[in-house]
């Protein structure tokens, strides 16, 4: 379970798009689904016949969860939103740093560029 932010991509497994009745539900639903990850893993494991097991829309409809009223959701969001945004920012930054590493490392190892030159290039990119 994750929030996709990597641009266009290919998918070879099931995907569910979450639609909210109200925007205030976003962070609660995200953390609820993360909390339920072990349940999803077990559902998929029990269906594993050949290859990967899958969680279906029917499986999701059978799940029971308590959904708080809007005032509680707003209070939750005051705590959860900054955490969510920081994690999301860290994921984006990590991907960018990995791309820089992947671009520079082969050139450093081959001697095409030197460490001081790589630091200049990386500084310009970041």
Protein backbone atom coordinates (compact mmCIF):
# COMPACT_ATOMS: atom_id res chain seq x y z
CA UNK A 1 0.00 0.00 0.00
CA UNK A 2 1.54 3.27 -1.09
CA UNK A 3 0.87 6.63 -2.64
CA UNK A 4 2.23 6.69 -6.19
CA UNK A 5 4.14 9.81 -7.11
CA UNK A 6 6.55 8.48 -9.69
CA UNK A 7 4.82 9.76 -12.82
CA UNK A 8 3.57 7.41 -15.50
CA UNK A 9 4.18 3.74 -14.86
CA UNK A 10 3.21 0.20 -15.69
CA UNK A 11 1.29 -2.04 -13.34
CA UNK A 12 1.12 -5.81 -13.39
CA UNK A 13 -1.02 -6.44 -10.31
CA UNK A 14 -4.34 -5.30 -8.89
CA UNK A 15 -4.79 -1.64 -8.06
CA UNK A 16 -7.54 0.14 -6.18
CA UNK A 17 -8.22 3.83 -6.46
CA UNK A 18 -9.50 5.30 -3.22
CA UNK A 19 -12.22 7.94 -3.57
CA UNK A 20 -13.12 10.02 -0.53
CA UNK A 21 -16.56 11.34 0.35
CA UNK A 22 -14.76 14.29 1.93
CA UNK A 23 -11.11 15.40 1.64
CA UNK A 24 -10.81 15.30 5.45
CA UNK A 25 -10.82 11.47 5.21
CA UNK A 26 -7.57 11.21 3.24
CA UNK A 27 -4.97 10.81 6.00
CA UNK A 28 -7.15 8.60 8.18
CA UNK A 29 -7.82 6.22 5.28
CA UNK A 30 -4.13 6.14 4.35
CA UNK A 31 -3.02 5.20 7.87
CA UNK A 32 -5.95 2.80 8.30
CA UNK A 33 -4.91 0.91 5.16
CA UNK A 34 -1.29 0.82 6.36
CA UNK A 35 -2.50 -0.54 9.69
CA UNK A 36 -4.48 -3.23 7.84
CA UNK A 37 -1.49 -4.34 5.75
CA UNK A 38 -1.02 -7.59 7.74
CA UNK A 39 -4.68 -8.39 7.09
CA UNK A 40 -4.20 -7.83 3.34
CA UNK A 41 -1.09 -10.01 3.35
CA UNK A 42 -3.01 -12.82 5.04
CA UNK A 43 -5.94 -12.50 2.63
CA UNK A 44 -3.55 -12.74 -0.32
CA UNK A 45 -1.63 -15.63 1.25
CA UNK A 46 -4.82 -17.63 1.72
CA UNK A 47 -5.64 -17.24 -1.98
CA UNK A 48 -2.20 -18.15 -3.26
CA UNK A 49 -2.55 -21.00 -5.71
CA UNK A 50 -0.19 -20.19 -8.55
CA UNK A 51 2.10 -17.24 -8.08
CA UNK A 52 0.75 -14.29 -6.16
CA UNK A 53 -2.45 -14.10 -4.19
CA UNK A 54 -4.61 -11.03 -4.66
CA UNK A 55 -6.88 -8.88 -2.54
CA UNK A 56 -10.11 -8.25 -4.42
CA UNK A 57 -12.74 -5.53 -4.18
CA UNK A 58 -15.00 -8.10 -2.46
CA UNK A 59 -12.29 -8.67 0.17
CA UNK A 60 -12.18 -4.95 0.86
CA UNK A 61 -15.97 -4.75 1.15
CA UNK A 62 -15.92 -7.47 3.82
CA UNK A 63 -13.51 -5.52 6.05
CA UNK A 64 -15.04 -3.80 9.04
CA UNK A 65 -13.50 -0.62 10.45
CA UNK A 66 -14.77 2.14 12.69
CA UNK A 67 -14.78 5.46 10.90
CA UNK A 68 -14.58 8.51 13.16
CA UNK A 69 -16.81 11.58 12.88
CA UNK A 70 -15.53 14.67 11.09
CA UNK A 71 -14.37 16.52 14.23
CA UNK A 72 -12.17 13.57 15.20
CA UNK A 73 -10.85 13.34 11.64
CA UNK A 74 -9.89 17.01 11.74
CA UNK A 75 -8.06 16.52 15.05
CA UNK A 76 -6.32 13.44 13.63
CA UNK A 77 -5.27 15.40 10.55
CA UNK A 78 -3.55 18.05 12.66
CA UNK A 79 -1.18 15.30 13.82
CA UNK A 80 -1.10 13.03 10.78
CA UNK A 81 -0.80 15.52 7.91
CA UNK A 82 2.67 16.89 8.81
CA UNK A 83 3.97 13.32 9.27
CA UNK A 84 2.48 12.19 5.96
CA UNK A 85 3.88 15.21 4.09
CA UNK A 86 7.36 14.72 5.60
CA UNK A 87 7.41 11.02 4.70
CA UNK A 88 6.20 11.79 1.18
CA UNK A 89 8.86 14.52 0.83
CA UNK A 90 11.56 12.14 2.09
CA UNK A 91 10.53 9.49 -0.44
CA UNK A 92 10.75 12.02 -3.27
CA UNK A 93 14.13 13.27 -2.08
CA UNK A 94 15.42 9.72 -1.70
CA UNK A 95 14.45 8.92 -5.30
CA UNK A 96 16.20 12.06 -6.53
CA UNK A 97 19.37 11.24 -4.56
CA UNK A 98 19.33 7.67 -5.86
CA UNK A 99 19.09 8.98 -9.43
CA UNK A 100 22.08 11.28 -8.83
CA UNK A 101 24.04 8.38 -7.29
CA UNK A 102 23.17 6.10 -10.19
CA UNK A 103 24.29 8.73 -12.69
CA UNK A 104 27.56 9.57 -10.94
CA UNK A 105 28.76 6.24 -9.56
CA UNK A 106 29.61 4.55 -12.88
CA UNK A 107 31.51 7.67 -13.98
CA UNK A 108 33.43 7.77 -10.69
CA UNK A 109 34.30 4.08 -10.86
CA UNK A 110 35.46 4.31 -14.48
CA UNK A 111 37.58 7.37 -13.74
CA UNK A 112 35.58 9.44 -16.23
CA UNK A 113 35.12 12.05 -13.51
CA UNK A 114 36.93 12.69 -10.26
CA UNK A 115 35.35 13.08 -6.83
CA UNK A 116 35.78 16.87 -6.76
CA UNK A 117 34.10 17.13 -10.18
CA UNK A 118 31.24 14.86 -9.05
CA UNK A 119 30.66 17.06 -6.01
CA UNK A 120 30.37 20.11 -8.29
CA UNK A 121 27.92 18.27 -10.59
CA UNK A 122 25.84 16.96 -7.68
CA UNK A 123 25.76 20.42 -6.11
CA UNK A 124 24.40 21.86 -9.35
CA UNK A 125 21.69 19.19 -9.59
CA UNK A 126 20.53 19.37 -5.98
